[in-house]
Each structure stands twice: as structure tokens, then as C-alpha cells.
PDB file of all heavy atoms in Angstrom:
ATOM      1  N   SER A   1     102.196  74.943  89.464  1.00  0.00           N
ATOM      2  CA  SER A   1     103.657  75.501  89.308  1.00  0.00           C
ATOM      3  C   SER A   1     104.359  75.170  90.618  1.00  0.00           C
ATOM      4  O   SER A   1     103.789  75.236  91.669  1.00  0.00           O
ATOM      5  CB  SER A   1     103.533  76.983  89.192  1.00  0.00           C
ATOM      6  OG  SER A   1     104.840  77.476  89.174  1.00  0.00           O
ATOM      7  N   GLU A   2     105.633  74.902  90.413  1.00  0.00           N
ATOM      8  CA  GLU A   2     106.532  74.599  91.527  1.00  0.00           C
ATOM      9  C   GLU A   2     106.903  75.975  92.260  1.00  0.00           C
ATOM     10  O   GLU A   2     107.251  76.047  93.436  1.00  0.00           O
ATOM     11  CB  GLU A   2     107.859  73.933  91.076  1.00  0.00           C
ATOM     12  CG  GLU A   2     107.611  72.640  90.484  1.00  0.00           C
ATOM     13  CD  GLU A   2     107.193  71.582  91.545  1.00  0.00           C
ATOM     14  OE1 GLU A   2     107.689  71.636  92.765  1.00  0.00           O
ATOM     15  OE2 GLU A   2     106.380  70.684  91.171  1.00  0.00           O
ATOM     16  N   VAL A   3     106.772  77.088  91.535  1.00  0.00           N
ATOM     17  CA  VAL A   3     107.237  78.333  92.034  1.00  0.00           C
ATOM     18  C   VAL A   3     106.029  79.259  92.317  1.00  0.00           C
ATOM     19  O   VAL A   3     105.145  79.370  91.376  1.00  0.00           O
ATOM     20  CB  VAL A   3     108.165  79.109  91.092  1.00  0.00           C
ATOM     21  CG1 VAL A   3     108.601  80.377  91.550  1.00  0.00           C
ATOM     22  CG2 VAL A   3     109.363  78.214  90.750  1.00  0.00           C
ATOM     23  N   ASP A   4     105.854  79.777  93.491  1.00  0.00           N
ATOM     24  CA  ASP A   4     104.759  80.646  93.730  1.00  0.00           C
ATOM     25  C   ASP A   4     105.139  82.105  93.370  1.00  0.00           C
ATOM     26  O   ASP A   4     105.966  82.768  94.139  1.00  0.00           O
ATOM     27  CB  ASP A   4     104.445  80.611  95.230  1.00  0.00           C
ATOM     28  CG  ASP A   4     103.308  81.548  95.695  1.00  0.00           C
ATOM     29  OD1 ASP A   4     102.565  81.926  94.799  1.00  0.00           O
ATOM     30  OD2 ASP A   4     103.198  81.836  96.834  1.00  0.00           O
ATOM     31  N   LEU A   5     104.629  82.557  92.312  1.00  0.00           N
ATOM     32  CA  LEU A   5     104.985  83.948  91.818  1.00  0.00           C
ATOM     33  C   LEU A   5     103.967  84.975  92.347  1.00  0.00           C
ATOM     34  O   LEU A   5     104.144  86.116  92.625  1.00  0.00           O
ATOM     35  CB  LEU A   5     105.030  84.039  90.341  1.00  0.00           C
ATOM     36  CG  LEU A   5     106.110  83.156  89.706  1.00  0.00           C
ATOM     37  CD1 LEU A   5     105.971  83.210  88.202  1.00  0.00           C
ATOM     38  CD2 LEU A   5     107.504  83.569  90.133  1.00  0.00           C
ATOM     39  N   ALA A   6     102.682  84.412  92.464  1.00  0.00           N
ATOM     40  CA  ALA A   6     101.575  85.425  92.939  1.00  0.00           C
ATOM     41  C   ALA A   6     101.724  85.871  94.377  1.00  0.00           C
ATOM     42  O   ALA A   6     101.556  87.075  94.647  1.00  0.00           O
ATOM     43  CB  ALA A   6     100.238  84.746  92.685  1.00  0.00           C
ATOM     44  N   GLY A   7     102.065  84.987  95.226  1.00  0.00           N
ATOM     45  CA  GLY A   7     102.109  85.338  96.615  1.00  0.00           C
ATOM     46  C   GLY A   7     103.124  86.513  96.982  1.00  0.00           C
ATOM     47  O   GLY A   7     102.737  87.605  97.461  1.00  0.00           O
ATOM     48  N   PRO A   8     104.400  86.500  96.498  1.00  0.00           N
ATOM     49  CA  PRO A   8     105.278  87.522  96.740  1.00  0.00           C
ATOM     50  C   PRO A   8     104.875  88.807  95.980  1.00  0.00           C
ATOM     51  O   PRO A   8     105.027  89.910  96.429  1.00  0.00           O
ATOM     52  CB  PRO A   8     106.663  87.021  96.252  1.00  0.00           C
ATOM     53  CG  PRO A   8     106.481  85.549  96.297  1.00  0.00           C
ATOM     54  CD  PRO A   8     105.118  85.192  96.064  1.00  0.00           C
ATOM     55  N   THR A   9     104.313  88.613  94.789  1.00  0.00           N
ATOM     56  CA  THR A   9     103.945  89.805  93.991  1.00  0.00           C
ATOM     57  C   THR A   9     102.826  90.563  94.644  1.00  0.00           C
ATOM     58  O   THR A   9     102.798  91.729  94.849  1.00  0.00           O
ATOM     59  CB  THR A   9     103.444  89.318  92.614  1.00  0.00           C
ATOM     60  OG1 THR A   9     104.576  88.647  91.982  1.00  0.00           O
ATOM     61  CG2 THR A   9     103.065  90.546  91.732  1.00  0.00           C
ATOM     62  N   LEU A  10     101.786  89.776  95.211  1.00  0.00           N
ATOM     63  CA  LEU A  10     100.659  90.391  95.898  1.00  0.00           C
ATOM     64  C   LEU A  10     101.140  91.101  97.144  1.00  0.00           C
ATOM     65  O   LEU A  10     100.637  92.152  97.559  1.00  0.00           O
ATOM     66  CB  LEU A  10      99.608  89.454  96.132  1.00  0.00           C
ATOM     67  CG  LEU A  10      98.910  88.928  94.853  1.00  0.00           C
ATOM     68  CD1 LEU A  10      97.849  87.788  95.216  1.00  0.00           C
ATOM     69  CD2 LEU A  10      98.288  89.985  94.072  1.00  0.00           C
ATOM     70  N   GLN A  11     102.082  90.496  97.935  1.00  0.00           N
ATOM     71  CA  GLN A  11     102.535  91.073  99.066  1.00  0.00           C
ATOM     72  C   GLN A  11     103.276  92.381  98.803  1.00  0.00           C
ATOM     73  O   GLN A  11     103.167  93.453  99.576  1.00  0.00           O
ATOM     74  CB  GLN A  11     103.531  90.129  99.782  1.00  0.00           C
ATOM     75  CG  GLN A  11     102.912  88.861 100.386  1.00  0.00           C
ATOM     76  CD  GLN A  11     103.939  87.929 100.896  1.00  0.00           C
ATOM     77  OE1 GLN A  11     105.122  88.120 100.938  1.00  0.00           O
ATOM     78  NE2 GLN A  11     103.389  86.879 101.387  1.00  0.00           N
ATOM     79  N   SER A  12     104.062  92.460  97.711  1.00  0.00           N
ATOM     80  CA  SER A  12     104.709  93.646  97.295  1.00  0.00           C
ATOM     81  C   SER A  12     103.667  94.735  96.871  1.00  0.00           C
ATOM     82  O   SER A  12     103.887  95.937  97.243  1.00  0.00           O
ATOM     83  CB  SER A  12     105.655  93.352  96.156  1.00  0.00           C
ATOM     84  OG  SER A  12     106.596  92.484  96.449  1.00  0.00           O
ATOM     85  N   LEU A  13     102.711  94.341  96.179  1.00  0.00           N
ATOM     86  CA  LEU A  13     101.651  95.301  95.819  1.00  0.00           C
ATOM     87  C   LEU A  13     100.940  95.831  97.072  1.00  0.00           C
ATOM     88  O   LEU A  13     100.712  97.093  97.074  1.00  0.00           O
ATOM     89  CB  LEU A  13     100.699  94.678  94.819  1.00  0.00           C
ATOM     90  CG  LEU A  13      99.473  95.532  94.389  1.00  0.00           C
ATOM     91  CD1 LEU A  13      99.963  96.855  93.645  1.00  0.00           C
ATOM     92  CD2 LEU A  13      98.540  94.756  93.482  1.00  0.00           C
ATOM     93  N   LYS A  14     100.603  94.961  97.933  1.00  0.00           N
ATOM     94  CA  LYS A  14     100.018  95.471  99.195  1.00  0.00           C
ATOM     95  C   LYS A  14     100.892  96.413  99.930  1.00  0.00           C
ATOM     96  O   LYS A  14     100.478  97.393 100.431  1.00  0.00           O
ATOM     97  CB  LYS A  14      99.673  94.232 100.085  1.00  0.00           C
ATOM     98  CG  LYS A  14      98.844  94.635 101.408  1.00  0.00           C
ATOM     99  CD  LYS A  14      98.507  93.452 102.273  1.00  0.00           C
ATOM    100  CE  LYS A  14      97.800  93.880 103.483  1.00  0.00           C
ATOM    101  NZ  LYS A  14      98.090  94.969 104.194  1.00  0.00           N
ATOM    102  N   ALA A  15     102.226  96.105 100.121  1.00  0.00           N
ATOM    103  CA  ALA A  15     103.143  96.979 100.729  1.00  0.00           C
ATOM    104  C   ALA A  15     103.136  98.300 100.066  1.00  0.00           C
ATOM    105  O   ALA A  15     103.192  99.414 100.711  1.00  0.00           O
ATOM    106  CB  ALA A  15     104.494  96.431 100.786  1.00  0.00           C
ATOM    107  N   LEU A  16     103.192  98.365  98.667  1.00  0.00           N
ATOM    108  CA  LEU A  16     103.162  99.576  97.935  1.00  0.00           C
ATOM    109  C   LEU A  16     101.870 100.421  98.246  1.00  0.00           C
ATOM    110  O   LEU A  16     101.992 101.621  98.503  1.00  0.00           O
ATOM    111  CB  LEU A  16     103.296  99.354  96.544  1.00  0.00           C
ATOM    112  CG  LEU A  16     103.320 100.477  95.557  1.00  0.00           C
ATOM    113  CD1 LEU A  16     104.534 101.256  95.734  1.00  0.00           C
ATOM    114  CD2 LEU A  16     103.223 100.008  94.063  1.00  0.00           C
ATOM    115  N   LEU A  17     100.722  99.739  98.261  1.00  0.00           N
ATOM    116  CA  LEU A  17      99.505 100.434  98.435  1.00  0.00           C
ATOM    117  C   LEU A  17      99.299 100.945  99.894  1.00  0.00           C
ATOM    118  O   LEU A  17      98.704 101.920 100.176  1.00  0.00           O
ATOM    119  CB  LEU A  17      98.309  99.532  98.047  1.00  0.00           C
ATOM    120  CG  LEU A  17      98.225  99.164  96.586  1.00  0.00           C
ATOM    121  CD1 LEU A  17      97.068  98.225  96.311  1.00  0.00           C
ATOM    122  CD2 LEU A  17      98.112 100.399  95.722  1.00  0.00           C
ATOM    123  N   ASP A  18      99.928 100.121 100.904  1.00  0.00           N
ATOM    124  CA  ASP A  18      99.810 100.509 102.305  1.00  0.00           C
ATOM    125  C   ASP A  18     100.729 101.744 102.610  1.00  0.00           C
ATOM    126  O   ASP A  18     100.524 102.365 103.678  1.00  0.00           O
ATOM    127  CB  ASP A  18     100.207  99.333 103.177  1.00  0.00           C
ATOM    128  CG  ASP A  18      99.136  98.255 103.197  1.00  0.00           C
ATOM    129  OD1 ASP A  18      97.958  98.561 102.930  1.00  0.00           O
ATOM    130  OD2 ASP A  18      99.437  97.245 103.738  1.00  0.00           O
ATOM    131  N   ASN A  19     101.679 102.003 101.817  1.00  0.00           N
ATOM    132  CA  ASN A  19     102.619 103.166 102.061  1.00  0.00           C
ATOM    133  C   ASN A  19     102.658 104.063 100.874  1.00  0.00           C
ATOM    134  O   ASN A  19     103.685 104.284 100.229  1.00  0.00           O
ATOM    135  CB  ASN A  19     104.039 102.537 102.282  1.00  0.00           C
ATOM    136  CG  ASN A  19     104.036 101.653 103.480  1.00  0.00           C
ATOM    137  OD1 ASN A  19     103.847 102.083 104.594  1.00  0.00           O
ATOM    138  ND2 ASN A  19     104.341 100.345 103.250  1.00  0.00           N
ATOM    139  N   PRO A  20     101.604 104.863 100.757  1.00  0.00           N
ATOM    140  CA  PRO A  20     101.578 105.843  99.618  1.00  0.00           C
ATOM    141  C   PRO A  20     102.587 106.943  99.926  1.00  0.00           C
ATOM    142  O   PRO A  20     103.006 107.096 101.109  1.00  0.00           O
ATOM    143  CB  PRO A  20     100.211 106.427  99.626  1.00  0.00           C
ATOM    144  CG  PRO A  20      99.715 106.187 101.083  1.00  0.00           C
ATOM    145  CD  PRO A  20     100.355 104.908 101.422  1.00  0.00           C
ATOM    146  N   PRO A  21     102.995 107.727  98.910  1.00  0.00           N
ATOM    147  CA  PRO A  21     103.923 108.836  99.250  1.00  0.00           C
ATOM    148  C   PRO A  21     103.453 109.774 100.299  1.00  0.00           C
ATOM    149  O   PRO A  21     102.239 110.146 100.320  1.00  0.00           O
ATOM    150  CB  PRO A  21     104.100 109.500  97.897  1.00  0.00           C
ATOM    151  CG  PRO A  21     103.061 109.014  97.028  1.00  0.00           C
ATOM    152  CD  PRO A  21     102.526 107.762  97.627  1.00  0.00           C
ATOM    153  N   LYS A  22     104.335 110.273 101.142  1.00  0.00           N
ATOM    154  CA  LYS A  22     103.986 111.169 102.207  1.00  0.00           C
ATOM    155  C   LYS A  22     103.926 112.603 101.617  1.00  0.00           C
ATOM    156  O   LYS A  22     103.227 113.361 102.151  1.00  0.00           O
ATOM    157  CB  LYS A  22     104.913 111.030 103.320  1.00  0.00           C
ATOM    158  CG  LYS A  22     104.874 109.786 104.088  1.00  0.00           C
ATOM    159  CD  LYS A  22     105.887 109.697 105.237  1.00  0.00           C
ATOM    160  CE  LYS A  22     105.878 108.346 105.957  1.00  0.00           C
ATOM    161  NZ  LYS A  22     105.439 107.173 105.273  1.00  0.00           N
ATOM    162  N   GLN A  23     104.618 112.858 100.465  1.00  0.00           N
ATOM    163  CA  GLN A  23     104.649 114.204  99.859  1.00  0.00           C
ATOM    164  C   GLN A  23     103.212 114.260  99.239  1.00  0.00           C
ATOM    165  O   GLN A  23     102.686 113.342  98.613  1.00  0.00           O
ATOM    166  CB  GLN A  23     105.750 114.211  98.845  1.00  0.00           C
ATOM    167  CG  GLN A  23     107.074 114.071  99.368  1.00  0.00           C
ATOM    168  CD  GLN A  23     108.098 113.936  98.345  1.00  0.00           C
ATOM    169  OE1 GLN A  23     107.806 113.791  97.152  1.00  0.00           O
ATOM    170  NE2 GLN A  23     109.364 114.028  98.738  1.00  0.00           N
ATOM    171  N   THR A  24     102.652 115.515  99.258  1.00  0.00           N
ATOM    172  CA  THR A  24     101.419 115.784  98.694  1.00  0.00           C
ATOM    173  C   THR A  24     101.560 116.493  97.383  1.00  0.00           C
ATOM    174  O   THR A  24     100.545 117.071  96.820  1.00  0.00           O
ATOM    175  CB  THR A  24     100.513 116.467  99.574  1.00  0.00           C
ATOM    176  OG1 THR A  24     101.158 117.742  99.944  1.00  0.00           O
ATOM    177  CG2 THR A  24     100.176 115.663 100.792  1.00  0.00           C
ATOM    178  N   GLU A  25     102.691 116.596  96.774  1.00  0.00           N
ATOM    179  CA  GLU A  25     102.869 117.344  95.580  1.00  0.00           C
ATOM    180  C   GLU A  25     102.148 116.589  94.461  1.00  0.00           C
ATOM    181  O   GLU A  25     102.145 115.325  94.361  1.00  0.00           O
ATOM    182  CB  GLU A  25     104.409 117.314  95.221  1.00  0.00           C
ATOM    183  CG  GLU A  25     105.149 118.197  96.188  1.00  0.00           C
ATOM    184  CD  GLU A  25     106.687 118.030  95.850  1.00  0.00           C
ATOM    185  OE1 GLU A  25     107.121 117.751  94.733  1.00  0.00           O
ATOM    186  OE2 GLU A  25     107.467 118.186  96.819  1.00  0.00           O
ATOM    187  N   ALA A  26     101.610 117.322  93.622  1.00  0.00           N
ATOM    188  CA  ALA A  26     100.699 116.725  92.566  1.00  0.00           C
ATOM    189  C   ALA A  26     101.520 115.805  91.597  1.00  0.00           C
ATOM    190  O   ALA A  26     101.083 114.771  91.197  1.00  0.00           O
ATOM    191  CB  ALA A  26     100.146 117.914  91.688  1.00  0.00           C
ATOM    192  N   GLN A  27     102.762 116.171  91.355  1.00  0.00           N
ATOM    193  CA  GLN A  27     103.564 115.335  90.474  1.00  0.00           C
ATOM    194  C   GLN A  27     103.920 114.043  91.100  1.00  0.00           C
ATOM    195  O   GLN A  27     103.812 112.941  90.480  1.00  0.00           O
ATOM    196  CB  GLN A  27     104.903 116.100  90.104  1.00  0.00           C
ATOM    197  CG  GLN A  27     105.829 115.189  89.163  1.00  0.00           C
ATOM    198  CD  GLN A  27     107.058 115.915  88.866  1.00  0.00           C
ATOM    199  OE1 GLN A  27     107.360 117.043  89.360  1.00  0.00           O
ATOM    200  NE2 GLN A  27     107.832 115.345  87.909  1.00  0.00           N
ATOM    201  N   THR A  28     104.222 113.998  92.397  1.00  0.00           N
ATOM    202  CA  THR A  28     104.482 112.746  93.203  1.00  0.00           C
ATOM    203  C   THR A  28     103.287 111.858  93.145  1.00  0.00           C
ATOM    204  O   THR A  28     103.348 110.614  92.940  1.00  0.00           O
ATOM    205  CB  THR A  28     104.895 113.102  94.651  1.00  0.00           C
ATOM    206  OG1 THR A  28     106.102 113.882  94.518  1.00  0.00           O
ATOM    207  CG2 THR A  28     105.254 111.802  95.405  1.00  0.00           C
ATOM    208  N   LEU A  29     102.107 112.475  93.491  1.00  0.00           N
ATOM    209  CA  LEU A  29     100.828 111.647  93.489  1.00  0.00           C
ATOM    210  C   LEU A  29     100.478 111.147  92.100  1.00  0.00           C
ATOM    211  O   LEU A  29     100.051 110.054  92.031  1.00  0.00           O
ATOM    212  CB  LEU A  29      99.707 112.453  94.062  1.00  0.00           C
ATOM    213  CG  LEU A  29      99.924 112.937  95.531  1.00  0.00           C
ATOM    214  CD1 LEU A  29      98.747 113.833  95.928  1.00  0.00           C
ATOM    215  CD2 LEU A  29      99.945 111.678  96.428  1.00  0.00           C
ATOM    216  N   ALA A  30     100.718 111.899  91.079  1.00  0.00           N
ATOM    217  CA  ALA A  30     100.473 111.465  89.726  1.00  0.00           C
ATOM    218  C   ALA A  30     101.403 110.218  89.341  1.00  0.00           C
ATOM    219  O   ALA A  30     100.910 109.273  88.716  1.00  0.00           O
ATOM    220  CB  ALA A  30     100.672 112.538  88.698  1.00  0.00           C
ATOM    221  N   GLN A  31     102.605 110.258  89.711  1.00  0.00           N
ATOM    222  CA  GLN A  31     103.567 109.308  89.508  1.00  0.00           C
ATOM    223  C   GLN A  31     103.102 107.994  90.212  1.00  0.00           C
ATOM    224  O   GLN A  31     103.130 106.898  89.648  1.00  0.00           O
ATOM    225  CB  GLN A  31     105.066 109.633  89.893  1.00  0.00           C
ATOM    226  CG  GLN A  31     105.580 110.640  88.981  1.00  0.00           C
ATOM    227  CD  GLN A  31     106.987 111.059  89.579  1.00  0.00           C
ATOM    228  OE1 GLN A  31     107.228 111.090  90.662  1.00  0.00           O
ATOM    229  NE2 GLN A  31     107.785 111.662  88.536  1.00  0.00           N
ATOM    230  N   TYR A  32     102.655 108.177  91.443  1.00  0.00           N
ATOM    231  CA  TYR A  32     102.304 106.981  92.270  1.00  0.00           C
ATOM    232  C   TYR A  32     100.981 106.336  91.620  1.00  0.00           C
ATOM    233  O   TYR A  32     100.923 105.137  91.570  1.00  0.00           O
ATOM    234  CB  TYR A  32     101.970 107.509  93.684  1.00  0.00           C
ATOM    235  CG  TYR A  32     101.453 106.452  94.642  1.00  0.00           C
ATOM    236  CD1 TYR A  32     102.284 105.383  95.076  1.00  0.00           C
ATOM    237  CD2 TYR A  32     100.156 106.386  95.016  1.00  0.00           C
ATOM    238  CE1 TYR A  32     101.825 104.430  96.037  1.00  0.00           C
ATOM    239  CE2 TYR A  32      99.649 105.452  95.811  1.00  0.00           C
ATOM    240  CZ  TYR A  32     100.549 104.409  96.355  1.00  0.00           C
ATOM    241  OH  TYR A  32     100.030 103.418  97.116  1.00  0.00           O
ATOM    242  N   SER A  33     100.129 107.222  91.284  1.00  0.00           N
ATOM    243  CA  SER A  33      98.945 106.778  90.594  1.00  0.00           C
ATOM    244  C   SER A  33      99.174 105.965  89.280  1.00  0.00           C
ATOM    245  O   SER A  33      98.648 104.889  89.107  1.00  0.00           O
ATOM    246  CB  SER A  33      97.958 107.910  90.316  1.00  0.00           C
ATOM    247  OG  SER A  33      96.800 107.547  89.601  1.00  0.00           O
ATOM    248  N   ARG A  34     100.134 106.540  88.485  1.00  0.00           N
ATOM    249  CA  ARG A  34     100.533 105.826  87.186  1.00  0.00           C
ATOM    250  C   ARG A  34     101.149 104.452  87.547  1.00  0.00           C
ATOM    251  O   ARG A  34     101.008 103.480  86.868  1.00  0.00           O
ATOM    252  CB  ARG A  34     101.408 106.713  86.429  1.00  0.00           C
ATOM    253  CG  ARG A  34     100.689 107.784  85.649  1.00  0.00           C
ATOM    254  CD  ARG A  34     101.527 108.474  84.613  1.00  0.00           C
ATOM    255  NE  ARG A  34     102.809 108.931  85.064  1.00  0.00           N
ATOM    256  CZ  ARG A  34     103.028 110.117  85.595  1.00  0.00           C
ATOM    257  NH1 ARG A  34     102.039 110.963  85.559  1.00  0.00           N
ATOM    258  NH2 ARG A  34     104.284 110.471  85.963  1.00  0.00           N
ATOM    259  N   LEU A  35     101.979 104.389  88.544  1.00  0.00           N
ATOM    260  CA  LEU A  35     102.680 103.177  88.947  1.00  0.00           C
ATOM    261  C   LEU A  35     101.644 102.136  89.379  1.00  0.00           C
ATOM    262  O   LEU A  35     101.689 101.033  88.837  1.00  0.00           O
ATOM    263  CB  LEU A  35     103.587 103.439  90.143  1.00  0.00           C
ATOM    264  CG  LEU A  35     104.284 102.185  90.832  1.00  0.00           C
ATOM    265  CD1 LEU A  35     105.245 101.547  89.833  1.00  0.00           C
ATOM    266  CD2 LEU A  35     104.964 102.589  92.082  1.00  0.00           C
ATOM    267  N   VAL A  36     100.711 102.437  90.192  1.00  0.00           N
ATOM    268  CA  VAL A  36      99.687 101.480  90.567  1.00  0.00           C
ATOM    269  C   VAL A  36      98.882 101.049  89.417  1.00  0.00           C
ATOM    270  O   VAL A  36      98.562  99.822  89.251  1.00  0.00           O
ATOM    271  CB  VAL A  36      98.728 102.077  91.734  1.00  0.00           C
ATOM    272  CG1 VAL A  36      97.591 101.133  92.073  1.00  0.00           C
ATOM    273  CG2 VAL A  36      99.628 102.308  92.993  1.00  0.00           C
ATOM    274  N   HIS A  37      98.420 102.040  88.555  1.00  0.00           N
ATOM    275  CA  HIS A  37      97.657 101.680  87.391  1.00  0.00           C
ATOM    276  C   HIS A  37      98.426 100.735  86.471  1.00  0.00           C
ATOM    277  O   HIS A  37      97.880  99.783  85.947  1.00  0.00           O
ATOM    278  CB  HIS A  37      97.274 102.920  86.735  1.00  0.00           C
ATOM    279  CG  HIS A  37      96.358 102.754  85.504  1.00  0.00           C
ATOM    280  ND1 HIS A  37      96.905 102.557  84.255  1.00  0.00           N
ATOM    281  CD2 HIS A  37      95.102 102.572  85.428  1.00  0.00           C
ATOM    282  CE1 HIS A  37      95.972 102.347  83.365  1.00  0.00           C
ATOM    283  NE2 HIS A  37      94.794 102.327  84.062  1.00  0.00           N
ATOM    284  N   GLY A  38      99.752 101.033  86.281  1.00  0.00           N
ATOM    285  CA  GLY A  38     100.531 100.223  85.402  1.00  0.00           C
ATOM    286  C   GLY A  38     100.656  98.797  85.926  1.00  0.00           C
ATOM    287  O   GLY A  38     100.689  97.808  85.175  1.00  0.00           O
ATOM    288  N   LEU A  39     100.862  98.624  87.230  1.00  0.00           N
ATOM    289  CA  LEU A  39     100.993  97.289  87.872  1.00  0.00           C
ATOM    290  C   LEU A  39      99.724  96.471  87.719  1.00  0.00           C
ATOM    291  O   LEU A  39      99.724  95.396  87.372  1.00  0.00           O
ATOM    292  CB  LEU A  39     101.336  97.400  89.329  1.00  0.00           C
ATOM    293  CG  LEU A  39     102.780  97.857  89.656  1.00  0.00           C
ATOM    294  CD1 LEU A  39     102.885  98.215  91.200  1.00  0.00           C
ATOM    295  CD2 LEU A  39     103.717  96.707  89.317  1.00  0.00           C
ATOM    296  N   LEU A  40      98.594  97.188  87.934  1.00  0.00           N
ATOM    297  CA  LEU A  40      97.274  96.453  87.864  1.00  0.00           C
ATOM    298  C   LEU A  40      97.017  96.069  86.370  1.00  0.00           C
ATOM    299  O   LEU A  40      96.491  94.972  86.100  1.00  0.00           O
ATOM    300  CB  LEU A  40      96.185  97.311  88.391  1.00  0.00           C
ATOM    301  CG  LEU A  40      96.244  97.422  89.899  1.00  0.00           C
ATOM    302  CD1 LEU A  40      95.113  98.413  90.297  1.00  0.00           C
ATOM    303  CD2 LEU A  40      96.189  96.187  90.633  1.00  0.00           C
ATOM    304  N   SER A  41      97.369  97.023  85.412  1.00  0.00           N
ATOM    305  CA  SER A  41      97.210  96.701  83.957  1.00  0.00           C
ATOM    306  C   SER A  41      98.015  95.544  83.547  1.00  0.00           C
ATOM    307  O   SER A  41      97.568  94.668  82.878  1.00  0.00           O
ATOM    308  CB  SER A  41      97.559  97.971  83.120  1.00  0.00           C
ATOM    309  OG  SER A  41      96.647  98.982  83.419  1.00  0.00           O
TER     310      SER A  41
END
């Protein structure tokens, strides 16, 4: 491929995983967990 799609996508995923929500509310953590699960799926 002429266009590298995986590189920027993986960098974005890493940035997301490196910066989890600072709030410890159950709803916020559940949303974050669903977001990560959805991206990996």
C-alpha cells in the first residue's frame, strides 16, 4: 500500500491506552473499557 494506515492507527491506540481517564467513576471506566474493546474488535 502507498498509504500507511496501521502506523498512525497504532500510535493513536497507544496514546489512548497510555492516558486512561483520571476519573474513577464506574460509568467513566465502563465507557473507556467499551471504547478499547470496540477498537480492538
